[in-house]
Protein backbone atom coordinates (compact mmCIF):
# COMPACT_ATOMS: atom_id res chain seq x y z
CA MET A 1 0.00 0.00 0.00
CA ALA A 2 1.10 3.59 -0.58
CA ARG A 3 3.05 5.28 2.16
CA LEU A 4 1.51 8.26 3.89
CA ALA A 5 2.65 11.43 2.14
CA LEU A 6 4.21 13.52 4.90
CA GLY A 7 7.24 15.76 4.92
CA ARG A 8 10.43 15.21 6.86
CA TRP A 9 10.62 17.20 10.06
CA ALA A 10 13.87 18.39 11.55
CA ALA A 11 12.95 17.07 14.97
CA LEU A 12 13.09 13.53 13.61
CA SER A 13 16.86 13.35 13.93
CA ILE A 14 16.63 14.23 17.62
CA ALA A 15 13.83 12.04 18.93
CA VAL A 16 13.72 9.08 16.56
CA VAL A 17 16.67 6.81 17.25
CA LEU A 18 17.73 3.95 15.00
CA VAL A 19 18.51 0.99 17.21
CA ALA A 20 19.77 -2.49 16.65
CA SER A 21 18.72 -4.20 19.84
CA GLY A 22 15.22 -3.68 21.21
CA CYS A 23 13.25 -0.91 22.87
CA SER A 24 14.28 0.82 26.03
CA GLY A 25 11.86 1.69 28.79
CA GLN A 26 9.78 -1.45 28.32
CA GLY A 27 8.58 -1.56 31.94
CA ASP A 28 6.34 -4.21 33.46
CA ASP A 29 3.60 -5.40 31.17
CA ALA A 30 0.05 -5.73 32.54
CA ASP A 31 -0.88 -9.22 33.71
CA ALA A 32 -2.49 -11.27 31.00
CA LEU A 33 -6.22 -11.02 31.50
CA ALA A 34 -6.81 -14.05 29.32
CA ASP A 35 -4.84 -16.26 31.70
CA ALA A 36 -6.78 -14.94 34.68
CA LEU A 37 -10.15 -15.47 33.01
CA ALA A 38 -9.32 -18.74 31.28
CA ASP A 39 -11.35 -20.84 33.68
CA VAL A 40 -14.97 -19.86 34.21
CA THR A 41 -15.66 -22.80 36.48
CA SER A 42 -17.96 -24.06 39.18
CA ASP A 43 -16.87 -26.13 42.13
CA ALA A 44 -18.52 -29.53 41.92
CA ASP A 45 -18.67 -29.95 45.69
CA THR A 46 -19.89 -26.54 46.81
CA GLY A 47 -21.69 -25.24 43.73
CA ASP A 48 -19.69 -22.01 43.88
CA ALA A 49 -19.02 -20.46 40.48
CA THR A 50 -15.81 -18.47 40.30
CA VAL A 51 -13.84 -16.42 37.88
CA GLU A 52 -10.22 -15.79 38.77
CA HIS A 53 -9.27 -12.34 37.58
CA ASP A 54 -6.09 -10.38 38.02
CA THR A 55 -6.47 -6.66 37.53
CA GLN A 56 -4.68 -4.90 34.72
CA ASP A 57 -2.51 -2.02 35.89
CA LEU A 58 -3.84 1.24 34.56
CA PRO A 59 -2.50 4.79 34.47
CA ASP A 60 -2.41 6.58 37.82
CA THR A 61 -4.42 9.42 36.31
CA GLN A 62 -7.37 7.02 36.07
CA ASP A 63 -7.51 6.26 39.79
CA ASP A 64 -10.87 7.96 40.26
CA ALA A 65 -12.49 6.20 37.34
CA LEU A 66 -10.78 2.87 37.90
CA ASP A 67 -11.07 2.43 41.64
CA ALA A 68 -9.74 -0.66 43.30
CA ASP A 69 -13.17 -2.08 44.08
CA ALA A 70 -14.24 -2.08 40.46
CA THR A 71 -11.07 -3.64 39.11
CA ASP A 72 -10.42 -6.13 41.88
CA GLY A 73 -11.85 -9.04 39.97
CA ALA A 74 -15.19 -10.77 40.20
CA PRO A 75 -16.58 -11.85 43.56
CA ASP A 76 -17.43 -15.51 43.96
CA LEU A 77 -21.03 -16.62 43.70
CA ASP A 78 -22.32 -17.95 46.98
CA ALA A 79 -23.50 -21.53 46.94
CA ASP A 80 -27.10 -20.51 47.51
CA GLU A 81 -27.13 -18.05 44.59
CA THR A 82 -27.05 -20.66 41.86
CA GLU A 83 -27.42 -24.37 41.29
CA LEU A 84 -24.88 -25.60 38.78
CA GLY A 85 -25.14 -29.31 39.42
CA ASP A 86 -21.68 -30.26 38.18
CA ALA A 87 -18.37 -28.74 37.17
CA ARG A 88 -18.47 -26.24 34.33
CA PRO A 89 -16.21 -27.36 31.48
CA PRO A 90 -13.30 -25.02 30.82
CA ALA A 91 -12.98 -23.20 27.55
CA GLU A 92 -11.22 -25.06 24.79
CA ASP A 93 -7.49 -24.41 24.80
CA LEU A 94 -6.71 -22.63 21.55
CA GLY A 95 -2.98 -23.07 21.95
CA LEU A 96 -2.34 -19.33 21.77
CA PRO A 97 1.09 -18.02 22.74
CA PRO A 98 0.96 -16.46 26.23
CA GLU A 99 2.99 -13.43 25.19
CA PRO A 100 3.51 -11.45 21.99
CA PRO A 101 6.71 -12.29 20.13
CA ALA A 102 9.88 -10.53 21.20
CA LEU A 103 10.69 -7.92 18.58
CA THR A 104 13.61 -5.67 17.79
CA CYS A 105 12.69 -2.01 17.46
CA ASP A 106 13.51 -0.42 14.10
CA LEU A 107 12.68 3.05 15.39
CA THR A 108 12.40 4.22 18.99
CA VAL A 109 10.64 7.45 19.96
CA GLY A 110 10.63 9.20 23.33
CA THR A 111 8.64 12.08 24.77
CA GLU A 112 11.23 14.74 23.94
CA GLY A 113 10.43 17.48 21.45
CA ASP A 114 7.38 17.70 19.22
CA VAL A 115 5.90 14.22 19.65
CA GLN A 116 3.16 14.88 17.09
CA THR A 117 5.91 15.24 14.51
CA THR A 118 8.31 12.56 15.68
CA VAL A 119 5.79 9.78 16.24
CA GLN A 120 3.93 10.39 12.99
CA GLU A 121 7.21 10.59 11.06
CA ALA A 122 8.32 7.29 12.54
CA LEU A 123 5.06 5.66 11.43
CA VAL A 124 5.74 6.89 7.90
CA LEU A 125 9.43 5.99 7.68
CA VAL A 126 9.37 2.58 9.33
CA PRO A 127 9.86 -0.11 6.68
CA GLU A 128 7.15 -2.62 5.88
CA GLY A 129 7.27 -5.28 8.58
CA GLY A 130 9.11 -2.94 10.95
CA VAL A 131 8.56 -1.99 14.59
CA VAL A 132 8.09 1.48 16.08
CA CYS A 133 8.64 1.54 19.85
CA LEU A 134 7.36 4.27 22.14
CA GLU A 135 9.24 4.69 25.39
CA ALA A 136 7.45 5.08 28.70
CA GLY A 137 5.86 8.47 29.26
CA THR A 138 2.89 10.61 28.29
CA TYR A 139 2.69 11.78 24.68
CA VAL A 140 0.36 14.75 24.10
CA PHE A 141 -1.02 14.96 20.56
CA ARG A 142 -2.81 17.69 18.64
CA ARG A 143 -4.06 15.47 15.85
CA GLN A 144 -4.85 11.89 14.94
CA LEU A 145 -1.98 9.48 14.23
CA ASP A 146 -2.21 7.63 10.91
CA ILE A 147 -0.78 4.21 10.09
CA ALA A 148 -0.60 3.38 6.37
CA VAL A 149 2.45 1.07 6.13
CA ASP A 150 1.76 -2.65 5.89
CA ALA A 151 2.78 -5.19 8.52
CA ILE A 152 4.14 -2.80 11.14
CA THR A 153 3.95 -2.93 14.92
CA LEU A 154 3.42 0.09 17.17
CA ARG A 155 4.64 -0.98 20.58
CA GLY A 156 4.57 0.86 23.88
CA ALA A 157 6.20 0.07 27.20
CA GLY A 158 2.95 -1.12 28.81
CA GLN A 159 -0.61 0.09 29.27
CA ALA A 160 0.29 1.84 32.50
CA ASP A 161 3.51 3.31 31.13
CA THR A 162 2.99 4.58 27.58
CA ILE A 163 0.07 7.03 27.44
CA LEU A 164 -1.09 8.65 24.19
CA ASP A 165 -3.11 11.68 25.31
CA PHE A 166 -5.48 13.26 22.78
CA LYS A 167 -7.38 15.58 25.09
CA LYS A 168 -5.92 18.64 23.34
CA SER A 169 -6.65 17.38 19.83
CA GLU A 170 -7.67 20.01 17.32
CA ASN A 171 -10.58 19.58 14.89
CA GLY A 172 -11.79 16.25 16.27
CA GLY A 173 -10.40 13.04 14.84
CA ASN A 174 -9.57 9.69 16.34
CA GLY A 175 -6.60 8.64 18.40
CA ILE A 176 -5.04 6.25 15.87
CA ARG A 177 -6.37 5.50 12.38
CA ILE A 178 -5.19 2.36 10.55
CA SER A 179 -5.59 1.84 6.81
CA SER A 180 -2.90 -0.78 6.11
CA ASP A 181 -2.88 -4.54 6.49
CA ARG A 182 -1.28 -6.78 9.13
CA VAL A 183 -0.82 -4.06 11.74
CA THR A 184 -0.29 -4.68 15.46
CA ILE A 185 -0.85 -2.15 18.25
CA ARG A 186 0.28 -3.30 21.67
CA ASP A 187 1.21 -2.29 25.21
CA LEU A 188 -0.09 1.28 25.35
CA THR A 189 -3.06 3.44 26.35
CA VAL A 190 -5.01 5.88 24.19
CA ARG A 191 -6.66 8.53 26.34
CA ASP A 192 -9.44 11.06 25.66
CA PRO A 193 -9.62 11.16 21.85
CA PRO A 194 -12.45 13.31 20.44
CA GLY A 195 -13.45 10.45 18.13
CA ASP A 196 -12.66 6.77 18.41
CA GLY A 197 -9.69 5.43 20.33
CA VAL A 198 -8.14 3.19 17.68
CA ARG A 199 -9.96 2.77 14.37
CA ALA A 200 -9.14 0.41 11.50
CA ASP A 201 -10.93 0.53 8.13
CA GLU A 202 -10.93 -2.25 5.51
CA VAL A 203 -7.89 -3.99 6.97
CA VAL A 204 -6.87 -7.62 6.58
CA GLY A 205 -4.84 -8.80 9.55
CA LEU A 206 -5.22 -6.66 12.69
CA THR A 207 -4.05 -7.14 16.28
CA PHE A 208 -4.79 -5.10 19.39
CA TRP A 209 -2.91 -6.69 22.30
CA ARG A 210 -2.87 -5.02 25.73
CA VAL A 211 -4.28 -1.74 24.45
CA SER A 212 -6.43 0.53 26.62
CA ALA A 213 -8.86 3.13 25.31
CA ILE A 214 -10.21 5.35 28.06
CA TRP A 215 -11.95 8.65 28.68
CA ASP A 216 -11.27 10.51 31.92
CA THR A 217 -14.92 11.53 32.29
CA VAL A 218 -17.29 8.60 32.29
CA ASP A 219 -21.02 8.82 31.49
CA THR A 220 -20.93 11.78 29.11
CA SER A 221 -22.03 12.09 25.49
CA ASP A 222 -19.01 14.35 24.88
CA ASN A 223 -16.76 11.29 24.80
CA GLY A 224 -15.75 9.48 21.64
CA ALA A 225 -18.05 6.79 20.28
CA TYR A 226 -15.82 3.70 20.31
CA GLY A 227 -12.73 2.60 22.19
CA LEU A 228 -11.41 -0.02 19.74
CA TYR A 229 -13.14 0.10 16.36
CA PRO A 230 -12.33 -2.32 13.52
CA VAL A 231 -14.81 -1.94 10.65
CA LEU A 232 -14.89 -3.90 7.37
CA CYS A 233 -11.91 -5.91 8.57
CA LYS A 234 -10.90 -9.55 8.33
CA ASP A 235 -8.61 -11.68 10.49
CA VAL A 236 -8.81 -9.71 13.75
CA LEU A 237 -7.36 -10.43 17.19
CA ILE A 238 -8.31 -8.25 20.19
CA ARG A 239 -6.60 -9.62 23.27
CA GLU A 240 -6.22 -8.43 26.87
CA CYS A 241 -7.45 -4.93 26.09
CA PHE A 242 -9.42 -2.48 28.24
CA ALA A 243 -12.04 0.11 27.30
CA GLU A 244 -13.95 2.60 29.43
CA GLY A 245 -16.15 5.63 28.83
CA ALA A 246 -17.21 5.19 25.18
CA LYS A 247 -20.55 6.78 24.35
CA ASP A 248 -21.37 3.84 22.09
CA ALA A 249 -19.24 0.69 22.54
CA GLY A 250 -16.01 0.03 24.38
CA ILE A 251 -14.97 -2.65 21.88
CA TYR A 252 -16.80 -2.64 18.56
CA LEU A 253 -16.47 -5.11 15.72
CA GLY A 254 -18.39 -4.03 12.66
CA GLN A 255 -18.96 -5.61 9.25
CA SER A 256 -16.00 -7.88 9.86
CA GLN A 257 -15.09 -11.54 9.51
CA GLN A 258 -12.93 -14.04 11.37
CA ALA A 259 -12.30 -12.34 14.71
CA LEU A 260 -11.25 -13.48 18.19
CA LEU A 261 -11.94 -11.23 21.20
CA ILE A 262 -10.31 -12.84 24.22
CA GLY A 263 -9.36 -11.81 27.75
CA ASN A 264 -10.56 -8.21 27.56
CA GLU A 265 -12.24 -5.99 30.15
CA VAL A 266 -14.88 -3.38 29.34
CA ARG A 267 -16.67 -1.10 31.78
CA GLY A 268 -18.36 2.29 31.91
CA ASN A 269 -19.46 2.26 28.26
CA ILE A 270 -22.99 2.28 26.87
CA MET A 271 -22.26 -1.11 25.30
CA GLY A 272 -19.34 -3.13 26.56
CA PHE A 273 -19.07 -5.06 23.29
CA GLU A 274 -20.95 -4.51 20.06
CA ILE A 275 -20.72 -7.16 17.35
CA GLU A 276 -22.46 -5.53 14.39
CA ASN A 277 -23.05 -7.14 10.99
CA SER A 278 -20.15 -9.54 11.46
CA VAL A 279 -19.69 -13.26 10.87
CA ASP A 280 -17.52 -15.96 12.44
CA VAL A 281 -16.60 -14.22 15.68
CA ASP A 282 -15.40 -15.78 18.94
CA VAL A 283 -15.96 -13.74 22.13
CA ARG A 284 -14.51 -15.62 25.09
CA GLU A 285 -13.04 -15.21 28.57
CA ASN A 286 -13.84 -11.50 28.88
CA HIS A 287 -14.98 -9.51 31.92
CA ILE A 288 -17.94 -7.39 30.82
CA HIS A 289 -19.30 -5.28 33.66
CA ASP A 290 -20.83 -1.97 34.72
CA ASN A 291 -21.85 -0.85 31.24
CA THR A 292 -25.39 0.03 30.13
CA VAL A 293 -25.52 -3.25 28.19
CA GLY A 294 -22.95 -6.01 28.42
CA ILE A 295 -22.86 -7.13 24.79
CA LEU A 296 -25.10 -6.49 21.80
CA ILE A 297 -24.99 -8.71 18.72
CA THR A 298 -26.85 -6.90 15.97
CA HIS A 299 -27.84 -7.00 12.33
CA LEU A 300 -28.24 -3.39 11.25
CA PRO A 301 -29.81 -2.24 7.99
CA ASP A 302 -28.24 -0.11 5.29
CA ARG A 303 -24.70 -1.37 5.78
CA PRO A 304 -22.24 -2.41 3.02
CA PHE A 305 -21.81 -5.80 4.70
CA ASN A 306 -25.36 -7.07 5.14
CA GLN A 307 -24.85 -10.19 7.28
CA SER A 308 -24.79 -10.97 10.98
CA ALA A 309 -24.27 -14.56 12.05
CA ARG A 310 -22.17 -17.11 13.91
CA THR A 311 -20.88 -15.22 16.92
CA LYS A 312 -19.77 -17.70 19.57
CA LEU A 313 -20.16 -16.02 23.00
CA HIS A 314 -18.83 -18.22 25.77
CA HIS A 315 -16.94 -18.48 29.05
CA ASN A 316 -17.39 -14.78 29.82
CA LEU A 317 -18.27 -13.08 33.10
CA ILE A 318 -21.10 -10.67 32.27
CA GLU A 319 -22.29 -8.81 35.35
CA SER A 320 -23.91 -5.66 36.71
CA ASN A 321 -24.45 -3.88 33.41
CA ASN A 322 -26.95 -1.35 34.75
CA LEU A 323 -25.27 1.98 33.91
CA PRO A 324 -27.83 4.63 32.88
CA ASN A 325 -27.76 5.21 29.12
CA PHE A 326 -25.95 8.48 28.33
CA GLY A 327 -26.30 8.27 24.54
CA THR A 328 -28.14 10.86 22.48
CA GLN A 329 -28.38 9.43 18.94
CA VAL A 330 -31.31 7.39 17.63
CA GLY A 331 -30.59 3.71 18.07
CA ILE A 332 -27.99 3.92 20.81
CA SER A 333 -30.31 6.04 22.97
CA HIS A 334 -32.88 3.21 22.82
CA VAL A 335 -30.55 0.63 24.35
CA PRO A 336 -32.07 -0.31 27.72
CA SER A 337 -30.01 -0.15 30.87
CA GLY A 338 -29.73 -3.40 32.76
CA LEU A 339 -29.30 -5.87 29.87
CA GLY A 340 -26.63 -8.55 29.95
CA VAL A 341 -26.79 -9.93 26.39
CA GLY A 342 -28.84 -8.64 23.48
CA ILE A 343 -29.32 -10.29 20.08
CA VAL A 344 -31.16 -8.04 17.63
CA GLY A 345 -31.91 -9.35 14.15
CA SER A 346 -28.86 -11.63 14.17
CA ASP A 347 -28.80 -15.34 13.33
CA ALA A 348 -27.10 -18.63 14.20
CA ASN A 349 -25.21 -17.34 17.23
CA GLU A 350 -24.25 -19.58 20.15
CA VAL A 351 -24.32 -18.34 23.76
CA HIS A 352 -23.00 -20.86 26.25
CA ASP A 353 -21.03 -21.38 29.46
CA ASN A 354 -21.20 -17.74 30.51
CA ILE A 355 -21.95 -16.37 33.96
CA VAL A 356 -24.62 -13.69 33.52
CA ARG A 357 -25.74 -11.99 36.72
CA ASP A 358 -27.19 -8.89 38.32
CA HIS A 359 -29.03 -7.19 35.45
CA GLY A 360 -32.18 -5.26 36.26
CA PHE A 361 -33.85 -5.46 32.84
CA SER A 362 -32.94 -8.90 31.47
CA GLY A 363 -30.14 -11.41 31.31
CA LEU A 364 -30.74 -12.10 27.60
CA ALA A 365 -33.08 -10.52 25.06
CA ILE A 366 -33.61 -11.77 21.50
CA LEU A 367 -35.48 -9.19 19.42
CA MET A 368 -36.35 -8.42 15.82
CA GLY A 369 -34.63 -5.50 14.12
CA SER A 370 -37.19 -2.81 13.35
CA THR A 371 -37.54 0.77 12.16
CA THR A 372 -38.77 1.67 15.63
CA ILE A 373 -35.43 0.67 17.13
CA PHE A 374 -33.07 1.66 14.32
CA GLY A 375 -34.94 4.54 12.68
CA PRO A 376 -36.03 4.58 9.01
CA PHE A 377 -34.22 2.24 6.62
CA ASN A 378 -34.68 0.33 3.37
CA THR A 379 -36.68 -2.67 4.50
CA ASP A 380 -36.51 -4.34 1.06
CA GLU A 381 -32.85 -5.26 1.58
CA TYR A 382 -33.01 -6.15 5.27
CA GLU A 383 -34.08 -9.39 6.92
CA GLY A 384 -34.15 -8.70 10.64
CA TRP A 385 -35.80 -11.87 11.96
CA PRO A 386 -33.45 -13.53 14.48
CA HIS A 387 -33.36 -17.28 13.95
CA ASP A 388 -31.27 -20.40 14.66
CA ASN A 389 -29.68 -18.92 17.79
CA TYR A 390 -28.62 -21.49 20.39
CA VAL A 391 -28.48 -20.59 24.09
CA HIS A 392 -27.38 -23.28 26.52
CA ASP A 393 -25.52 -24.17 29.70
CA ASN A 394 -25.13 -20.66 31.08
CA THR A 395 -25.28 -19.61 34.72
CA TRP A 396 -28.01 -17.04 35.41
CA VAL A 397 -28.29 -15.15 38.70
CA ASP A 398 -30.58 -12.22 39.58
CA ASN A 399 -31.55 -11.00 36.12
CA GLY A 400 -34.76 -9.19 35.17
CA THR A 401 -35.58 -8.49 38.79
CA ASP A 402 -35.54 -4.68 38.94
CA PRO A 403 -35.75 -2.74 35.65
CA PRO A 404 -33.98 0.63 35.95
CA ASP A 405 -36.22 3.67 35.65
CA ASP A 406 -33.98 5.59 33.24
CA ALA A 407 -35.41 6.91 29.97
CA SER A 408 -33.90 4.26 27.68
CA THR A 409 -35.24 1.36 29.71
CA MET A 410 -38.67 2.93 30.01
CA TRP A 411 -38.67 3.49 26.22
CA MET A 412 -37.89 -0.17 25.56
CA MET A 413 -40.48 -1.39 28.04
CA ASN A 414 -43.11 0.82 26.41
CA TYR A 415 -42.07 -0.30 22.91
CA LEU A 416 -42.35 -3.96 23.89
CA GLY A 417 -45.41 -3.40 26.08
CA LEU A 418 -43.64 -4.89 29.09
CA GLN A 419 -44.71 -4.81 32.68
CA GLU A 420 -43.06 -6.10 35.81
CA PRO A 421 -42.27 -8.77 36.74
CA LEU A 422 -39.82 -9.59 33.98
CA ALA A 423 -37.62 -12.65 33.66
CA THR A 424 -34.06 -13.69 32.87
CA LEU A 425 -34.96 -14.40 29.22
CA LEU A 426 -36.95 -12.05 26.99
CA VAL A 427 -38.20 -12.68 23.44
CA ASP A 428 -40.57 -10.70 21.21
CA SER A 429 -42.40 -13.58 19.46
CA CYS A 430 -41.33 -12.37 16.01
CA ALA A 431 -40.39 -14.79 13.24
CA GLN A 432 -40.49 -14.63 9.47
CA PRO A 433 -43.91 -15.90 8.35
CA ASP A 434 -42.39 -18.36 5.86
CA ALA A 435 -39.41 -19.22 8.06
CA ALA A 436 -39.45 -22.94 7.37
CA ALA A 437 -39.64 -22.43 3.62
CA ALA A 438 -36.75 -19.98 3.89
CA GLY A 439 -34.69 -22.57 5.75
CA GLN A 440 -34.83 -20.69 9.03
CA GLY A 441 -34.97 -22.70 12.25
CA PRO A 442 -36.17 -21.67 15.71
CA ASN A 443 -34.13 -20.09 18.45
CA CYS A 444 -33.24 -22.97 20.79
CA PHE A 445 -32.74 -22.90 24.54
CA GLU A 446 -31.29 -25.57 26.80
CA GLU A 447 -31.15 -23.95 30.22
CA PRO A 448 -32.18 -26.45 32.93
CA SER A 449 -31.82 -23.85 35.69
CA LEU A 450 -34.55 -21.67 34.17
CA SER A 451 -38.23 -22.55 34.08
CA ASP A 452 -39.85 -19.65 32.27
CA TYR A 453 -39.36 -16.66 30.01
CA VAL A 454 -41.18 -13.46 29.06
CA ASP A 455 -42.65 -13.15 25.57
CA ALA A 456 -43.52 -9.57 24.65
CA GLN A 457 -45.82 -10.84 21.86
CA LEU A 458 -44.70 -7.90 19.73
CA CYS A 459 -45.65 -9.82 16.60
CA GLY A 460 -48.59 -11.52 18.29
CA SER A 461 -51.30 -10.27 20.61
CA GLY A 462 -49.18 -7.46 22.00
CA GLU A 463 -49.94 -8.66 25.52
CA GLN A 464 -46.96 -9.80 27.59
CA VAL A 465 -46.98 -13.54 28.24
CA THR A 466 -44.92 -15.56 30.67
CA GLY A 467 -44.26 -18.96 29.15
CA GLU A 468 -42.62 -22.18 30.19
CA LEU A 469 -39.14 -22.40 28.76
CA SER A 470 -39.70 -26.03 27.91
CA ALA A 471 -41.77 -24.79 24.96
CA LEU A 472 -38.59 -23.30 23.46
CA THR A 473 -36.27 -26.14 24.38
CA CYS A 474 -34.46 -27.71 21.46
CA GLU A 475 -30.91 -28.51 20.46
CA GLY A 476 -29.30 -25.98 18.18
CA THR A 477 -26.05 -25.95 16.27
CA ALA A 478 -22.81 -25.66 18.22
CA LEU A 479 -20.23 -23.44 16.57
CA PRO A 480 -16.52 -24.20 16.23
CA ALA A 481 -13.93 -21.98 17.84
CA VAL A 482 -12.71 -19.11 15.68
CA VAL A 483 -8.93 -18.78 15.56
CA PRO A 484 -7.89 -16.10 13.06
CA ALA A 485 -4.57 -16.43 11.29
CA ARG A 486 -3.26 -13.54 13.40
CA ALA A 487 -3.81 -15.53 16.57
CA ARG A 488 -2.38 -18.77 15.18
CA ALA A 489 0.79 -17.02 14.05
CA GLY A 490 1.36 -15.35 17.40
CA ALA A 491 0.53 -11.94 15.90
CA ARG A 492 3.30 -9.45 15.63
């Protein structure tokens, strides 16, 4: 791909140092969240379900937003809170390398001088396949950084040590924008960008490993929309990352294929994860907590990539996503607070072996995509009936017990015609009239710990019905693990 057309700045000779043997100032890397969350297990003798979770170290400037209580891991479930019956099987070992590969730095940049100039120049001059290392320190930028050289790595000294601060950015923009293939960003934090934290467009081969995207002020619509934002990408690995404060989604995967999201933590966003119009995605071993919604898997209309299917959501801890919705745009402002997992218009997804607890509105909602939710769109090219989803063997605790009274939740309850009491599982009774002829199967549930569900009857009588879950019990299709080439190769 063409190199970014930028001039040579005089400061380059001062702050960009050619080195032959590695980066200086590497510091202590954050503990691998994937290792800590690898076992979402229950004790066969006591019935206690636990998730072991070591906290990632984060910048000291985030102490107020990232207090010790909120990042001190997940508390154990008491034995009387859930009945698991037997030991929960661990997630399949994907054989991923525990650490990124050791790399020699081609260019090293420090905080001296005009960092806007020196860092951007390094990203232009680094050869294809090269490594740009940022030493420990805080780098204050006035504009977005652009990466347009193939197969490069931008490497910091650790999430707590290398801080890319965009609070003083001029004329909006993102933190980092990627337009080249096979790029890796690792071991750094992007803070307070006006737009998205790190955005990648139409990229094949993308890795975010131990990257944080954070906004100092949580719960405000002045923040950027997305923390990590790959769109129209293929072969994506997002591993051991952290996102907080996004006014849409902390980690977003849109119109993309073949992606693995593993060992991440998201909190304080409207949506922790959003998987939009994507296929063949594996979301596993993440800690998703204290957002408005934990994760939303959606099929949106009027998108270049008009598919949404085969997301495998498993072995995650999804808890306490009851943050009041602070969004203002149509669509995002309708997302109800207090929802653990939402599937809207998306097909053939598998949700299994997760712990989903403490959500006021619902643990899981499966709904049809509609103009009421998304706003006007071309209905001729959109099929928003969710079908062939398979939900099984999850742990559900205290969901649907106390719907929040914020505007977004009240809007959704009015739209669906819901009244308390609710339930852990919520459906809207909508299915394509000729579903069988179209080859569409039912949504299947195998959840022995649950006895009933709430049917909003949106496509039926319009009167809320509480039904026995046995009526929806069937065996669906289990999905294989998704291991993108980036993950198999160890991902530079």
